[in-house]
């Protein structure tokens, strides 16, 4: 029987993203290697780490699973001997483009894939307008993957706005929910911290959000502020706007301690919330 490890060291790579895919992949690889040397067991890259966040780039930067970006990240995980959540990238399959996160084990094998379920379509009066659905197709899976630290849930950015998805990951046994994300300067200050704290409190687990660094000269300006929240809803770590790597130790036993004191998960009334079919 495999013993689950209770202490997880996770690295949040808040990196800048340029127009050069090759440069982005090289920088990501360097930062993953450095994070492993800092003691990280699990490394997370940001949403669209290999591609500028813009509809005009997504299709031209898109690659199939097994393409250059996939292979570079597989090699990176193997060479650094680390569990790697490779942020997200534009993935091409059968003529469709998805916002996809691949997960690789320390041997470089792909162990999970999450395609963003809820596409970022927003039109805020006086603020941001962006329609991912102009380019991307949506995924349809709840993604939870196995690790030496227990089950880990994975979603992407706008997915965190939907409590139902987080609850399904928790009910599947997730101890941590990871979300590469690129909130902007309208939604970030308003909702980024709020959402990660609330999903943590709702499901009594750790939440982790990893953003690109902020570039005020680019057309889409990411908020930054990569974050780690505890199952009690505390902000344990939070980056600023600039390039930064956070290495945080998560005590996963805290999940059970919180659930024992405030037993929300066990008190869930399935009989009340079930929907009867006519």
Protein backbone atom coordinates (compact mmCIF):
# COMPACT_ATOMS: atom_id res chain seq x y z
CA UNK A 1 0.00 0.00 0.00
CA UNK A 2 1.32 3.45 -0.97
CA UNK A 3 1.50 5.91 1.93
CA UNK A 4 0.13 9.34 1.08
CA UNK A 5 2.53 12.19 1.80
CA UNK A 6 0.99 14.94 3.93
CA UNK A 7 3.37 17.82 3.18
CA UNK A 8 3.28 19.16 -0.35
CA UNK A 9 5.78 21.75 -1.58
CA UNK A 10 4.23 23.54 -4.51
CA UNK A 11 5.85 26.16 -6.75
CA UNK A 12 3.79 28.89 -8.41
CA UNK A 13 5.62 30.24 -11.48
CA UNK A 14 4.38 33.77 -12.21
CA UNK A 15 6.33 34.38 -15.42
CA UNK A 16 6.17 36.95 -18.20
CA UNK A 17 4.89 35.79 -21.59
CA UNK A 18 6.34 37.20 -24.82
CA UNK A 19 5.50 36.91 -28.51
CA UNK A 20 8.22 34.26 -28.93
CA UNK A 21 6.97 30.77 -28.19
CA UNK A 22 10.54 29.46 -28.11
CA UNK A 23 11.56 32.06 -25.54
CA UNK A 24 8.50 31.30 -23.42
CA UNK A 25 9.27 27.58 -23.41
CA UNK A 26 12.91 28.21 -22.53
CA UNK A 27 11.97 30.51 -19.65
CA UNK A 28 9.34 28.07 -18.35
CA UNK A 29 11.88 25.23 -18.42
CA UNK A 30 14.45 27.30 -16.55
CA UNK A 31 11.95 28.26 -13.89
CA UNK A 32 10.72 24.69 -13.42
CA UNK A 33 14.31 23.55 -12.92
CA UNK A 34 14.97 26.35 -10.42
CA UNK A 35 11.77 25.53 -8.52
CA UNK A 36 12.82 21.89 -8.20
CA UNK A 37 16.18 23.01 -6.80
CA UNK A 38 14.21 25.06 -4.25
CA UNK A 39 12.57 21.85 -3.03
CA UNK A 40 9.28 21.88 -4.96
CA UNK A 41 7.44 18.57 -5.43
CA UNK A 42 4.83 20.06 -7.76
CA UNK A 43 5.33 23.01 -10.13
CA UNK A 44 2.53 25.02 -11.74
CA UNK A 45 2.85 27.32 -14.75
CA UNK A 46 0.32 30.04 -15.65
CA UNK A 47 -2.53 30.06 -18.14
CA UNK A 48 -1.25 30.54 -21.71
CA UNK A 49 2.39 30.35 -20.64
CA UNK A 50 3.58 29.77 -24.22
CA UNK A 51 1.25 32.19 -26.00
CA UNK A 52 0.13 35.82 -25.65
CA UNK A 53 -3.39 35.93 -24.25
CA UNK A 54 -5.28 37.19 -27.31
CA UNK A 55 -7.74 35.63 -29.75
CA UNK A 56 -5.57 36.76 -32.64
CA UNK A 57 -2.75 34.45 -31.44
CA UNK A 58 -4.53 31.38 -30.08
CA UNK A 59 -5.10 29.52 -33.36
CA UNK A 60 -1.70 30.35 -34.88
CA UNK A 61 0.11 29.21 -31.69
CA UNK A 62 -2.04 26.09 -31.26
CA UNK A 63 -0.42 22.63 -31.29
CA UNK A 64 -1.69 19.09 -30.91
CA UNK A 65 -0.93 16.96 -27.88
CA UNK A 66 2.54 15.58 -28.51
CA UNK A 67 3.65 18.77 -30.30
CA UNK A 68 6.65 20.95 -29.45
CA UNK A 69 5.19 22.54 -26.30
CA UNK A 70 3.85 19.22 -25.01
CA UNK A 71 7.19 17.51 -25.65
CA UNK A 72 9.21 20.33 -24.10
CA UNK A 73 7.12 20.19 -20.93
CA UNK A 74 7.31 16.39 -20.81
CA UNK A 75 11.09 16.60 -21.09
CA UNK A 76 11.17 19.38 -18.48
CA UNK A 77 9.22 17.30 -15.94
CA UNK A 78 11.48 14.31 -16.55
CA UNK A 79 14.75 16.23 -16.45
CA UNK A 80 13.74 18.07 -13.27
CA UNK A 81 12.13 14.94 -11.76
CA UNK A 82 9.06 16.91 -10.74
CA UNK A 83 5.28 16.73 -11.04
CA UNK A 84 4.36 19.49 -13.50
CA UNK A 85 1.05 21.23 -14.20
CA UNK A 86 1.96 22.87 -17.49
CA UNK A 87 -0.26 25.93 -17.11
CA UNK A 88 -2.36 26.02 -20.23
CA UNK A 89 -1.75 26.27 -23.96
CA UNK A 90 -3.84 26.42 -27.13
CA UNK A 91 -4.37 22.78 -28.10
CA UNK A 92 -5.49 21.84 -31.62
CA UNK A 93 -7.51 18.70 -32.31
CA UNK A 94 -9.68 17.95 -35.35
CA UNK A 95 -9.70 21.60 -36.38
CA UNK A 96 -10.88 22.79 -32.95
CA UNK A 97 -8.79 24.80 -30.49
CA UNK A 98 -9.02 24.22 -26.74
CA UNK A 99 -7.54 26.05 -23.76
CA UNK A 100 -5.79 23.02 -22.30
CA UNK A 101 -3.68 22.16 -19.27
CA UNK A 102 -1.48 19.06 -19.44
CA UNK A 103 -0.05 17.38 -16.33
CA UNK A 104 3.18 15.35 -16.42
CA UNK A 105 4.64 13.02 -13.82
CA UNK A 106 8.36 13.05 -12.86
CA UNK A 107 9.08 10.51 -15.61
CA UNK A 108 7.57 12.85 -18.23
CA UNK A 109 4.40 10.84 -18.82
CA UNK A 110 1.14 12.73 -19.29
CA UNK A 111 -1.17 11.82 -16.42
CA UNK A 112 -3.98 14.34 -16.91
CA UNK A 113 -5.47 16.82 -19.37
CA UNK A 114 -8.02 19.51 -18.58
CA UNK A 115 -9.74 21.49 -21.29
CA UNK A 116 -11.25 24.70 -19.98
CA UNK A 117 -14.96 24.03 -19.48
CA UNK A 118 -16.24 27.59 -19.01
CA UNK A 119 -14.95 29.94 -21.67
CA UNK A 120 -14.12 33.50 -20.70
CA UNK A 121 -16.79 35.61 -22.39
CA UNK A 122 -17.09 39.00 -20.71
CA UNK A 123 -18.33 42.45 -21.69
CA UNK A 124 -18.17 44.79 -18.71
CA UNK A 125 -19.48 48.32 -19.30
CA UNK A 126 -16.49 50.65 -18.98
CA UNK A 127 -14.18 47.67 -18.47
CA UNK A 128 -12.98 44.53 -20.22
CA UNK A 129 -14.51 42.90 -23.31
CA UNK A 130 -13.12 39.51 -24.30
CA UNK A 131 -14.78 36.50 -25.93
CA UNK A 132 -12.78 33.27 -25.76
CA UNK A 133 -15.63 31.53 -27.57
CA UNK A 134 -14.62 33.36 -30.76
CA UNK A 135 -11.65 30.96 -30.94
CA UNK A 136 -11.89 28.19 -28.35
CA UNK A 137 -14.16 25.18 -28.01
CA UNK A 138 -15.02 24.15 -24.46
CA UNK A 139 -14.10 21.00 -22.58
CA UNK A 140 -16.60 18.81 -20.75
CA UNK A 141 -14.67 16.98 -18.03
CA UNK A 142 -14.20 17.29 -14.27
CA UNK A 143 -10.45 16.77 -13.89
CA UNK A 144 -8.87 15.16 -10.83
CA UNK A 145 -5.48 13.43 -10.99
CA UNK A 146 -3.56 11.14 -8.67
CA UNK A 147 -0.34 12.19 -6.96
CA UNK A 148 1.79 10.97 -4.03
CA UNK A 149 -0.04 13.65 -2.00
CA UNK A 150 -3.54 12.42 -2.79
CA UNK A 151 -5.96 13.55 -5.46
CA UNK A 152 -5.55 17.02 -6.96
CA UNK A 153 -8.25 18.92 -8.83
CA UNK A 154 -7.44 20.98 -11.91
CA UNK A 155 -9.38 23.69 -13.70
CA UNK A 156 -8.52 26.85 -15.66
CA UNK A 157 -9.23 30.49 -14.78
CA UNK A 158 -12.94 31.22 -15.50
CA UNK A 159 -13.79 27.69 -14.31
CA UNK A 160 -13.18 28.93 -10.74
CA UNK A 161 -16.29 31.11 -10.95
CA UNK A 162 -18.48 28.01 -10.93
CA UNK A 163 -18.84 26.48 -7.44
CA UNK A 164 -20.46 23.36 -8.86
CA UNK A 165 -17.24 22.38 -10.65
CA UNK A 166 -15.13 22.88 -7.53
CA UNK A 167 -17.61 20.85 -5.46
CA UNK A 168 -17.47 17.98 -7.94
CA UNK A 169 -13.68 17.93 -7.67
CA UNK A 170 -13.94 17.94 -3.87
CA UNK A 171 -16.51 15.13 -3.89
CA UNK A 172 -14.13 13.11 -6.06
CA UNK A 173 -11.56 13.48 -3.27
CA UNK A 174 -9.42 16.45 -4.30
CA UNK A 175 -7.17 17.78 -1.53
CA UNK A 176 -6.06 20.80 -3.55
CA UNK A 177 -7.65 22.65 -6.46
CA UNK A 178 -5.17 24.22 -8.89
CA UNK A 179 -6.21 26.85 -11.42
CA UNK A 180 -3.80 28.43 -13.88
CA UNK A 181 -5.49 31.75 -14.64
CA UNK A 182 -5.09 35.14 -16.28
CA UNK A 183 -7.61 37.49 -14.69
CA UNK A 184 -7.40 41.02 -16.05
CA UNK A 185 -7.32 44.46 -14.46
CA UNK A 186 -11.13 44.65 -14.30
CA UNK A 187 -11.95 41.24 -12.83
CA UNK A 188 -8.69 40.66 -10.94
CA UNK A 189 -8.93 43.39 -8.30
CA UNK A 190 -12.65 42.65 -7.86
CA UNK A 191 -12.81 38.87 -7.74
CA UNK A 192 -9.47 36.99 -7.89
CA UNK A 193 -8.79 36.68 -4.15
CA UNK A 194 -12.49 36.44 -3.34
CA UNK A 195 -12.99 33.41 -5.60
CA UNK A 196 -9.97 31.46 -4.40
CA UNK A 197 -10.84 32.08 -0.76
CA UNK A 198 -14.48 31.16 -1.30
CA UNK A 199 -13.78 27.92 -3.19
CA UNK A 200 -11.37 27.00 -0.37
CA UNK A 201 -13.99 27.69 2.31
CA UNK A 202 -16.80 25.99 0.36
CA UNK A 203 -14.88 22.75 -0.03
CA UNK A 204 -12.44 22.88 2.92
CA UNK A 205 -9.32 22.35 0.86
CA UNK A 206 -6.35 24.31 -0.48
CA UNK A 207 -6.74 26.43 -3.61
CA UNK A 208 -3.89 27.62 -5.82
CA UNK A 209 -4.08 30.20 -8.60
CA UNK A 210 -1.13 30.85 -10.93
CA UNK A 211 -1.11 33.89 -13.22
CA UNK A 212 1.25 35.30 -15.82
CA UNK A 213 3.22 38.33 -14.66
CA UNK A 214 1.66 41.68 -15.51
CA UNK A 215 2.74 43.42 -18.72
CA UNK A 216 1.17 46.87 -18.94
CA UNK A 217 2.41 47.29 -22.52
CA UNK A 218 0.44 44.32 -23.85
CA UNK A 219 -3.14 44.59 -25.13
CA UNK A 220 -4.42 42.13 -22.48
CA UNK A 221 -3.01 43.04 -19.08
CA UNK A 222 -2.98 40.15 -16.60
CA UNK A 223 -3.59 40.93 -12.94
CA UNK A 224 -0.83 38.69 -11.57
CA UNK A 225 -1.25 38.08 -7.82
CA UNK A 226 -0.71 34.30 -7.91
CA UNK A 227 -2.24 32.96 -4.71
CA UNK A 228 -2.43 30.09 -2.20
CA UNK A 229 -5.41 29.81 0.15
CA UNK A 230 -5.94 27.46 3.08
CA UNK A 231 -9.04 25.31 3.76
CA UNK A 232 -10.00 27.96 6.36
CA UNK A 233 -9.98 30.62 3.65
CA UNK A 234 -6.75 32.33 4.70
CA UNK A 235 -4.44 33.80 2.08
CA UNK A 236 -1.18 31.98 2.83
CA UNK A 237 0.86 33.39 -0.05
CA UNK A 238 0.22 36.04 -2.67
CA UNK A 239 2.48 37.46 -5.36
CA UNK A 240 2.44 41.01 -6.62
CA UNK A 241 2.27 42.02 -10.26
CA UNK A 242 5.84 41.26 -11.31
CA UNK A 243 7.68 38.08 -12.25
CA UNK A 244 7.96 35.88 -9.16
CA UNK A 245 8.18 32.27 -8.02
CA UNK A 246 6.46 31.26 -4.79
CA UNK A 247 7.37 27.94 -3.14
CA UNK A 248 4.78 27.08 -0.50
CA UNK A 249 4.45 24.07 1.81
CA UNK A 250 0.88 22.81 2.19
CA UNK A 251 0.02 20.72 5.25
CA UNK A 252 -2.71 18.55 3.74
CA UNK A 253 -3.72 17.20 7.16
CA UNK A 254 -5.24 20.64 7.71
CA UNK A 255 -8.09 19.69 5.40
CA UNK A 256 -9.24 16.94 7.75
CA UNK A 257 -8.72 19.06 10.86
CA UNK A 258 -10.95 21.78 9.42
CA UNK A 259 -13.56 19.28 8.24
CA UNK A 260 -13.66 17.67 11.68
CA UNK A 261 -14.28 21.04 13.40
CA UNK A 262 -16.80 22.27 10.82
CA UNK A 263 -18.18 19.18 9.09
CA UNK A 264 -19.66 20.70 5.96
CA UNK A 265 -18.72 17.89 3.61
CA UNK A 266 -20.19 15.13 5.77
CA UNK A 267 -23.25 17.22 6.59
CA UNK A 268 -24.20 17.73 2.94
CA UNK A 269 -27.84 16.67 2.59
CA UNK A 270 -27.91 14.69 -0.64
CA UNK A 271 -31.59 13.91 -0.08
CA UNK A 272 -32.45 17.61 -0.07
CA UNK A 273 -30.27 18.59 -3.03
CA UNK A 274 -31.10 15.66 -5.32
CA UNK A 275 -33.30 16.44 -8.30
CA UNK A 276 -36.18 14.05 -8.84
CA UNK A 277 -36.90 13.03 -12.40
CA UNK A 278 -40.52 13.15 -13.51
